[in-house]
Amino acid sequence: MASNKTTLQKMGKKQNGKVKKFKSQRNEKMEYFLKWKGFTDLVKKKMVQKENLYLTMNLMTANQRRKEMLLTNQEDLLEVLILKE
């Protein structure tokens, strides 16, 4: 059975953060209030428009995959570093 959750719900749950949606009075566009656990107060709270929210999620996913690859393929990483030198 496929999950009915959206990508935003999945990412918010994975990253232990909260996403609140509301309409901005500044430009009448829907904005999302991101609050991520594990970050300082200055960084963890951010207003993001819907168009930019997906970019943020994609960057976070790519960074997580990169970290996982570094942990699982450390031998391959050493070979690449040696070849570049």
C-alpha atoms as a PDB file:
ATOM      1  CA  MET A   1       0.000   0.000   0.000  1.00  0.00           C
ATOM      2  CA  ALA A   2       1.401   3.373  -1.002  1.00  0.00           C
ATOM      3  CA  SER A   3       1.710   6.169   1.500  1.00  0.00           C
ATOM      4  CA  ASN A   4      -0.619   9.144   1.138  1.00  0.00           C
ATOM      5  CA  LYS A   5       1.789  11.508   2.886  1.00  0.00           C
ATOM      6  CA  THR A   6       3.302  14.309   0.871  1.00  0.00           C
ATOM      7  CA  THR A   7       7.030  14.857   0.508  1.00  0.00           C
ATOM      8  CA  LEU A   8       6.834  17.808   2.904  1.00  0.00           C
ATOM      9  CA  GLN A   9       5.213  15.698   5.599  1.00  0.00           C
ATOM     10  CA  LYS A  10       7.791  12.943   5.167  1.00  0.00           C
ATOM     11  CA  MET A  11      10.745  15.345   5.267  1.00  0.00           C
ATOM     12  CA  GLY A  12       9.362  17.254   8.237  1.00  0.00           C
ATOM     13  CA  LYS A  13       8.977  14.019  10.157  1.00  0.00           C
ATOM     14  CA  LYS A  14      12.406  12.707   9.120  1.00  0.00           C
ATOM     15  CA  GLN A  15      14.198  15.862  10.156  1.00  0.00           C
ATOM     16  CA  ASN A  16      12.248  16.184  13.435  1.00  0.00           C
ATOM     17  CA  GLY A  17      11.012  19.588  12.465  1.00  0.00           C
ATOM     18  CA  LYS A  18       7.694  21.340  12.271  1.00  0.00           C
ATOM     19  CA  VAL A  19       6.124  22.991   9.268  1.00  0.00           C
ATOM     20  CA  LYS A  20       3.298  25.488   9.672  1.00  0.00           C
ATOM     21  CA  LYS A  21       1.461  26.894   6.677  1.00  0.00           C
ATOM     22  CA  PHE A  22      -0.167  30.326   6.559  1.00  0.00           C
ATOM     23  CA  LYS A  23      -0.903  33.144   4.157  1.00  0.00           C
ATOM     24  CA  SER A  24       1.511  36.058   4.292  1.00  0.00           C
ATOM     25  CA  GLN A  25       0.119  39.560   4.597  1.00  0.00           C
ATOM     26  CA  ARG A  26       3.183  40.989   2.865  1.00  0.00           C
ATOM     27  CA  ASN A  27       2.687  39.545  -0.594  1.00  0.00           C
ATOM     28  CA  GLU A  28      -0.497  37.422  -0.343  1.00  0.00           C
ATOM     29  CA  LYS A  29       1.441  34.223  -1.097  1.00  0.00           C
ATOM     30  CA  MET A  30       1.325  31.050   0.928  1.00  0.00           C
ATOM     31  CA  GLU A  31       4.412  30.774   3.133  1.00  0.00           C
ATOM     32  CA  TYR A  32       5.692  28.051   5.401  1.00  0.00           C
ATOM     33  CA  PHE A  33       7.260  28.555   8.808  1.00  0.00           C
ATOM     34  CA  LEU A  34      10.090  26.051   9.280  1.00  0.00           C
ATOM     35  CA  LYS A  35      11.368  25.179  12.708  1.00  0.00           C
ATOM     36  CA  TRP A  36      14.098  22.507  12.746  1.00  0.00           C
ATOM     37  CA  LYS A  37      15.303  20.802  15.890  1.00  0.00           C
ATOM     38  CA  GLY A  38      19.028  20.752  16.541  1.00  0.00           C
ATOM     39  CA  PHE A  39      19.742  24.215  15.152  1.00  0.00           C
ATOM     40  CA  THR A  40      20.282  27.512  16.901  1.00  0.00           C
ATOM     41  CA  ASP A  41      17.320  29.851  17.331  1.00  0.00           C
ATOM     42  CA  LEU A  42      18.659  32.160  14.617  1.00  0.00           C
ATOM     43  CA  VAL A  43      18.837  29.384  12.046  1.00  0.00           C
ATOM     44  CA  LYS A  44      15.994  27.023  12.884  1.00  0.00           C
ATOM     45  CA  LYS A  45      13.109  29.441  12.346  1.00  0.00           C
ATOM     46  CA  LYS A  46      12.659  30.552   8.779  1.00  0.00           C
ATOM     47  CA  MET A  47       9.876  31.887   6.585  1.00  0.00           C
ATOM     48  CA  VAL A  48       9.883  30.164   3.211  1.00  0.00           C
ATOM     49  CA  GLN A  49       7.620  30.522   0.205  1.00  0.00           C
ATOM     50  CA  LYS A  50       6.248  27.343  -1.325  1.00  0.00           C
ATOM     51  CA  GLU A  51       8.520  27.549  -4.385  1.00  0.00           C
ATOM     52  CA  ASN A  52      11.621  27.737  -2.184  1.00  0.00           C
ATOM     53  CA  LEU A  53      10.441  25.094   0.269  1.00  0.00           C
ATOM     54  CA  TYR A  54      10.930  22.318  -2.263  1.00  0.00           C
ATOM     55  CA  LEU A  55      14.469  23.554  -2.996  1.00  0.00           C
ATOM     56  CA  THR A  56      15.235  23.480   0.725  1.00  0.00           C
ATOM     57  CA  MET A  57      13.892  19.941   1.025  1.00  0.00           C
ATOM     58  CA  ASN A  58      15.876  18.798  -2.021  1.00  0.00           C
ATOM     59  CA  LEU A  59      19.088  20.248  -0.583  1.00  0.00           C
ATOM     60  CA  MET A  60      18.460  18.546   2.742  1.00  0.00           C
ATOM     61  CA  THR A  61      17.779  15.221   1.024  1.00  0.00           C
ATOM     62  CA  ALA A  62      20.921  15.513  -1.109  1.00  0.00           C
ATOM     63  CA  ASN A  63      23.017  16.377   1.939  1.00  0.00           C
ATOM     64  CA  GLN A  64      21.615  13.400   3.877  1.00  0.00           C
ATOM     65  CA  ARG A  65      22.349  11.043   0.960  1.00  0.00           C
ATOM     66  CA  ARG A  66      25.889  12.417   0.707  1.00  0.00           C
ATOM     67  CA  LYS A  67      26.445  11.761   4.416  1.00  0.00           C
ATOM     68  CA  GLU A  68      25.078   8.225   4.085  1.00  0.00           C
ATOM     69  CA  MET A  69      27.341   7.546   1.109  1.00  0.00           C
ATOM     70  CA  LEU A  70      30.372   8.798   3.017  1.00  0.00           C
ATOM     71  CA  LEU A  71      29.573   6.465   5.902  1.00  0.00           C
ATOM     72  CA  THR A  72      28.937   3.396   3.747  1.00  0.00           C
ATOM     73  CA  ASN A  73      31.596   3.884   1.053  1.00  0.00           C
ATOM     74  CA  GLN A  74      34.643   5.112   2.931  1.00  0.00           C
ATOM     75  CA  GLU A  75      36.961   2.732   1.042  1.00  0.00           C
ATOM     76  CA  ASP A  76      35.728   4.064  -2.312  1.00  0.00           C
ATOM     77  CA  LEU A  77      36.156   7.629  -1.075  1.00  0.00           C
ATOM     78  CA  LEU A  78      39.809   7.001  -0.231  1.00  0.00           C
ATOM     79  CA  GLU A  79      40.428   5.644  -3.742  1.00  0.00           C
ATOM     80  CA  VAL A  80      38.862   8.732  -5.311  1.00  0.00           C
ATOM     81  CA  LEU A  81      40.949  11.057  -3.153  1.00  0.00           C
ATOM     82  CA  ILE A  82      44.149   9.213  -4.051  1.00  0.00           C
ATOM     83  CA  LEU A  83      43.329   9.337  -7.779  1.00  0.00           C
ATOM     84  CA  LYS A  84      42.726  13.091  -7.649  1.00  0.00           C
ATOM     85  CA  GLU A  85      46.063  13.798  -5.985  1.00  0.00           C
END
